[in-house]
């Protein structure tokens, strides 16, 4: 029997700092809910909008896999390992904080907002050397199908993560139907609807709704409208 948890969009934590408008699927900063401390080894899912020219000043991290997925606009990144990059829509960025680093993130544009997801996953191996990577993905390769963008397999066409985790994106049309098979039945998948409407294992989800499903070998995905979907498969412990 599958185990499910549903987080409707309007139940997320919210902080509007003027320059930053952030929604938290899990406890983060001043938002705390003991029932929402993450999903398995997925710890943070923040849905951020940053005003033109603004951003996060240099701050530290350690022993966390941090994935950023721009949804609109351009995000400038700078860190203490010497990386200074800009990530754009259809790119995915990952940073293994490892033994520790500092980084800053700014809206690269002086005129347009940047919207992005910041996602934290606990690492498989602790205290590794800090690492940075980013990659562009062809949006055509997720039209009415699922495109893996994060994977623990260095031979995959995805970006590598220091954890047994897979992130998958789909741009789905009404009538799309597919079965997602977990890589490990002891894992779980947290589904996050970026746009539109989908059914996950028979449960209807709308824009910015999230649902975690575990104790299952696979589940059905159906799109009832044009939809953008992110799936995050992670170990549950």
Protein backbone atom coordinates (compact mmCIF):
# COMPACT_ATOMS: atom_id res chain seq x y z
CA UNK A 1 0.00 0.00 0.00
CA UNK A 2 1.57 3.29 -1.07
CA UNK A 3 2.14 6.05 1.45
CA UNK A 4 1.26 9.59 0.35
CA UNK A 5 1.57 13.12 1.68
CA UNK A 6 0.01 16.05 -0.17
CA UNK A 7 1.07 19.68 0.27
CA UNK A 8 -1.29 22.07 -1.50
CA UNK A 9 0.33 25.24 -2.84
CA UNK A 10 -1.48 27.51 -0.38
CA UNK A 11 -0.22 25.56 2.65
CA UNK A 12 3.45 26.33 1.99
CA UNK A 13 5.47 28.65 4.18
CA UNK A 14 5.81 32.16 2.76
CA UNK A 15 8.25 35.01 3.29
CA UNK A 16 8.18 38.24 1.30
CA UNK A 17 11.25 40.38 1.95
CA UNK A 18 10.51 42.82 -0.86
CA UNK A 19 13.57 41.86 -2.92
CA UNK A 20 12.80 38.16 -2.33
CA UNK A 21 9.41 36.46 -2.47
CA UNK A 22 9.85 32.88 -1.30
CA UNK A 23 7.53 29.91 -0.80
CA UNK A 24 8.78 26.97 1.28
CA UNK A 25 7.43 23.45 0.78
CA UNK A 26 9.37 22.40 3.89
CA UNK A 27 10.46 24.15 7.09
CA UNK A 28 13.02 26.85 6.30
CA UNK A 29 14.30 29.98 8.06
CA UNK A 30 11.40 31.55 10.00
CA UNK A 31 8.87 28.99 8.67
CA UNK A 32 8.76 25.96 10.94
CA UNK A 33 6.34 23.05 10.86
CA UNK A 34 7.54 19.87 12.61
CA UNK A 35 5.41 17.82 10.21
CA UNK A 36 7.23 19.37 7.23
CA UNK A 37 10.93 18.87 7.86
CA UNK A 38 11.49 17.38 4.42
CA UNK A 39 10.64 14.23 2.49
CA UNK A 40 13.15 11.45 3.02
CA UNK A 41 16.58 12.94 2.24
CA UNK A 42 14.98 15.88 0.39
CA UNK A 43 15.31 18.71 2.92
CA UNK A 44 14.43 22.01 1.17
CA UNK A 45 12.26 22.99 -1.77
CA UNK A 46 12.08 26.77 -2.09
CA UNK A 47 10.17 28.53 -4.87
CA UNK A 48 11.95 31.90 -5.11
CA UNK A 49 11.36 35.13 -7.03
CA UNK A 50 14.17 37.71 -6.81
CA UNK A 51 13.73 41.35 -7.81
CA UNK A 52 15.93 42.89 -10.55
CA UNK A 53 19.53 43.44 -9.45
CA UNK A 54 18.94 41.91 -6.00
CA UNK A 55 20.08 38.66 -4.43
CA UNK A 56 21.59 36.62 -1.62
CA UNK A 57 24.92 37.87 -0.28
CA UNK A 58 27.79 35.47 0.44
CA UNK A 59 26.73 32.82 2.95
CA UNK A 60 28.12 29.41 4.00
CA UNK A 61 26.99 25.83 3.42
CA UNK A 62 28.45 22.43 4.21
CA UNK A 63 27.48 18.79 3.60
CA UNK A 64 24.47 19.49 1.41
CA UNK A 65 23.70 18.91 -2.28
CA UNK A 66 22.14 22.14 -3.55
CA UNK A 67 20.29 22.13 -6.87
CA UNK A 68 19.04 25.30 -8.56
CA UNK A 69 16.56 25.19 -11.45
CA UNK A 70 15.77 28.57 -13.10
CA UNK A 71 12.16 28.90 -14.25
CA UNK A 72 12.44 32.42 -15.71
CA UNK A 73 15.25 34.94 -16.01
CA UNK A 74 18.96 34.56 -15.22
CA UNK A 75 20.67 33.81 -11.91
CA UNK A 76 24.27 34.89 -11.30
CA UNK A 77 26.35 32.63 -9.03
CA UNK A 78 29.70 33.21 -7.33
CA UNK A 79 31.40 30.95 -4.80
CA UNK A 80 34.57 30.57 -2.77
CA UNK A 81 35.92 27.81 -5.04
CA UNK A 82 36.33 30.39 -7.84
CA UNK A 83 33.20 29.69 -9.85
CA UNK A 84 31.45 32.71 -11.29
CA UNK A 85 28.61 31.64 -13.57
CA UNK A 86 25.16 32.62 -14.82
CA UNK A 87 22.43 30.00 -15.05
CA UNK A 88 19.43 30.37 -17.33
CA UNK A 89 16.13 28.68 -18.14
CA UNK A 90 16.64 25.07 -19.33
CA UNK A 91 19.83 24.81 -17.29
CA UNK A 92 20.33 23.01 -13.98
CA UNK A 93 23.02 23.88 -11.45
CA UNK A 94 24.37 21.72 -8.64
CA UNK A 95 26.76 22.50 -5.84
CA UNK A 96 28.17 19.92 -3.44
CA UNK A 97 28.91 21.98 -0.35
CA UNK A 98 30.99 19.15 1.10
CA UNK A 99 33.59 20.31 3.64
CA UNK A 100 32.25 23.86 3.28
CA UNK A 101 32.09 26.87 1.00
CA UNK A 102 30.44 30.25 0.69
CA UNK A 103 28.41 31.44 -2.27
CA UNK A 104 26.21 34.29 -3.41
CA UNK A 105 23.32 34.34 -5.87
CA UNK A 106 22.00 37.43 -7.62
CA UNK A 107 19.47 38.31 -10.26
CA UNK A 108 21.67 38.92 -13.29
CA UNK A 109 19.11 41.32 -14.78
CA UNK A 110 18.54 44.94 -13.72
CA UNK A 111 15.06 44.94 -15.31
CA UNK A 112 13.45 41.49 -15.00
CA UNK A 113 12.67 39.16 -12.09
CA UNK A 114 14.39 35.80 -11.82
CA UNK A 115 12.33 32.81 -10.68
CA UNK A 116 14.05 29.62 -9.59
CA UNK A 117 13.75 26.55 -7.42
CA UNK A 118 16.38 25.96 -4.76
CA UNK A 119 16.46 22.34 -3.62
CA UNK A 120 18.60 20.79 -0.88
CA UNK A 121 19.32 17.06 -0.58
CA UNK A 122 21.36 15.45 2.18
CA UNK A 123 24.55 13.96 0.66
CA UNK A 124 25.49 10.30 0.32
CA UNK A 125 29.13 10.91 1.19
CA UNK A 126 30.00 13.60 3.73
CA UNK A 127 32.96 15.98 3.74
CA UNK A 128 33.80 15.66 0.07
CA UNK A 129 35.72 18.39 -1.72
CA UNK A 130 33.27 21.18 -2.66
CA UNK A 131 32.11 20.84 -6.26
CA UNK A 132 30.16 22.88 -8.81
CA UNK A 133 28.50 21.92 -12.07
CA UNK A 134 25.84 23.22 -14.42
CA UNK A 135 24.35 21.89 -17.63
CA UNK A 136 21.90 22.96 -20.31
CA UNK A 137 19.11 20.55 -21.28
CA UNK A 138 17.15 20.54 -24.53
CA UNK A 139 13.50 21.36 -23.68
CA UNK A 140 12.41 19.33 -26.73
CA UNK A 141 13.60 16.20 -24.91
CA UNK A 142 10.89 16.58 -22.27
CA UNK A 143 7.97 17.37 -24.59
CA UNK A 144 5.33 14.84 -23.56
CA UNK A 145 7.99 12.65 -21.95
CA UNK A 146 10.17 12.58 -18.87
CA UNK A 147 13.71 13.97 -19.01
CA UNK A 148 16.22 13.05 -16.28
CA UNK A 149 18.26 16.12 -15.33
CA UNK A 150 19.91 14.96 -12.07
CA UNK A 151 21.33 11.47 -11.50
CA UNK A 152 23.87 9.59 -9.33
CA UNK A 153 25.23 7.87 -12.47
CA UNK A 154 28.16 9.84 -13.90
CA UNK A 155 27.57 8.15 -17.27
CA UNK A 156 24.03 9.53 -17.56
CA UNK A 157 23.26 12.54 -19.71
CA UNK A 158 22.19 14.28 -16.49
CA UNK A 159 24.03 16.37 -13.92
CA UNK A 160 25.73 14.28 -11.21
CA UNK A 161 24.60 14.35 -7.58
CA UNK A 162 26.37 12.93 -4.51
CA UNK A 163 23.28 10.94 -3.51
CA UNK A 164 21.13 8.13 -4.91
CA UNK A 165 18.67 10.67 -6.28
CA UNK A 166 17.07 11.30 -9.66
CA UNK A 167 15.33 14.52 -10.73
CA UNK A 168 13.07 14.39 -13.77
CA UNK A 169 11.27 17.14 -15.71
CA UNK A 170 8.28 16.79 -18.03
CA UNK A 171 6.39 19.23 -20.27
CA UNK A 172 3.17 17.29 -20.63
CA UNK A 173 0.13 17.61 -22.86
CA UNK A 174 -3.46 16.70 -21.92
CA UNK A 175 -3.89 12.96 -22.24
CA UNK A 176 -0.24 12.17 -21.40
CA UNK A 177 -0.05 8.97 -19.37
CA UNK A 178 2.99 7.08 -18.14
CA UNK A 179 4.09 4.81 -15.31
CA UNK A 180 7.07 6.02 -13.28
CA UNK A 181 9.20 3.14 -11.98
CA UNK A 182 11.32 3.88 -8.93
CA UNK A 183 15.02 3.01 -9.16
CA UNK A 184 14.77 1.49 -5.69
CA UNK A 185 11.50 0.46 -3.96
CA UNK A 186 12.87 1.85 -0.68
CA UNK A 187 13.00 5.32 -2.23
CA UNK A 188 10.21 7.85 -2.44
CA UNK A 189 9.31 10.48 -5.04
CA UNK A 190 8.27 14.05 -4.32
CA UNK A 191 6.27 15.43 -7.25
CA UNK A 192 6.03 19.21 -7.69
CA UNK A 193 3.70 20.72 -10.27
CA UNK A 194 5.26 23.81 -11.82
CA UNK A 195 2.32 24.58 -14.11
CA UNK A 196 -1.01 23.04 -15.05
CA UNK A 197 -2.69 19.96 -13.64
CA UNK A 198 -1.62 16.35 -13.27
CA UNK A 199 -2.76 13.19 -11.51
CA UNK A 200 -0.15 11.27 -9.55
CA UNK A 201 -1.33 7.81 -8.55
CA UNK A 202 -4.90 9.04 -8.97
CA UNK A 203 -4.47 12.19 -6.85
CA UNK A 204 -5.20 15.49 -8.62
CA UNK A 205 -2.53 18.17 -8.26
CA UNK A 206 -2.52 21.75 -9.53
CA UNK A 207 0.10 24.47 -9.98
CA UNK A 208 2.71 24.47 -7.16
CA UNK A 209 1.09 21.57 -5.33
CA UNK A 210 3.49 18.94 -4.02
CA UNK A 211 3.00 15.27 -3.24
CA UNK A 212 5.32 12.70 -1.73
CA UNK A 213 4.76 9.03 -2.51
CA UNK A 214 6.69 6.12 -1.00
CA UNK A 215 6.46 2.40 -0.21
CA UNK A 216 5.65 1.74 -3.85
CA UNK A 217 7.51 0.29 -6.86
CA UNK A 218 5.92 2.72 -9.31
CA UNK A 219 2.97 5.04 -9.89
CA UNK A 220 0.93 6.52 -12.70
CA UNK A 221 1.27 10.05 -14.07
CA UNK A 222 -1.55 11.60 -16.09
CA UNK A 223 -1.82 15.15 -17.41
CA UNK A 224 -5.31 16.65 -17.52
CA UNK A 225 -4.06 20.00 -18.91
CA UNK A 226 -0.80 21.40 -20.26
CA UNK A 227 1.56 20.77 -17.37
CA UNK A 228 5.15 21.25 -16.24
CA UNK A 229 6.21 18.62 -13.68
CA UNK A 230 9.28 18.01 -11.54
CA UNK A 231 9.83 14.60 -9.92
CA UNK A 232 12.49 14.14 -7.23
CA UNK A 233 13.30 10.54 -6.31
CA UNK A 234 15.31 10.27 -3.09
CA UNK A 235 16.17 7.67 -0.44
CA UNK A 236 13.73 7.82 2.44
CA UNK A 237 16.49 7.35 5.03
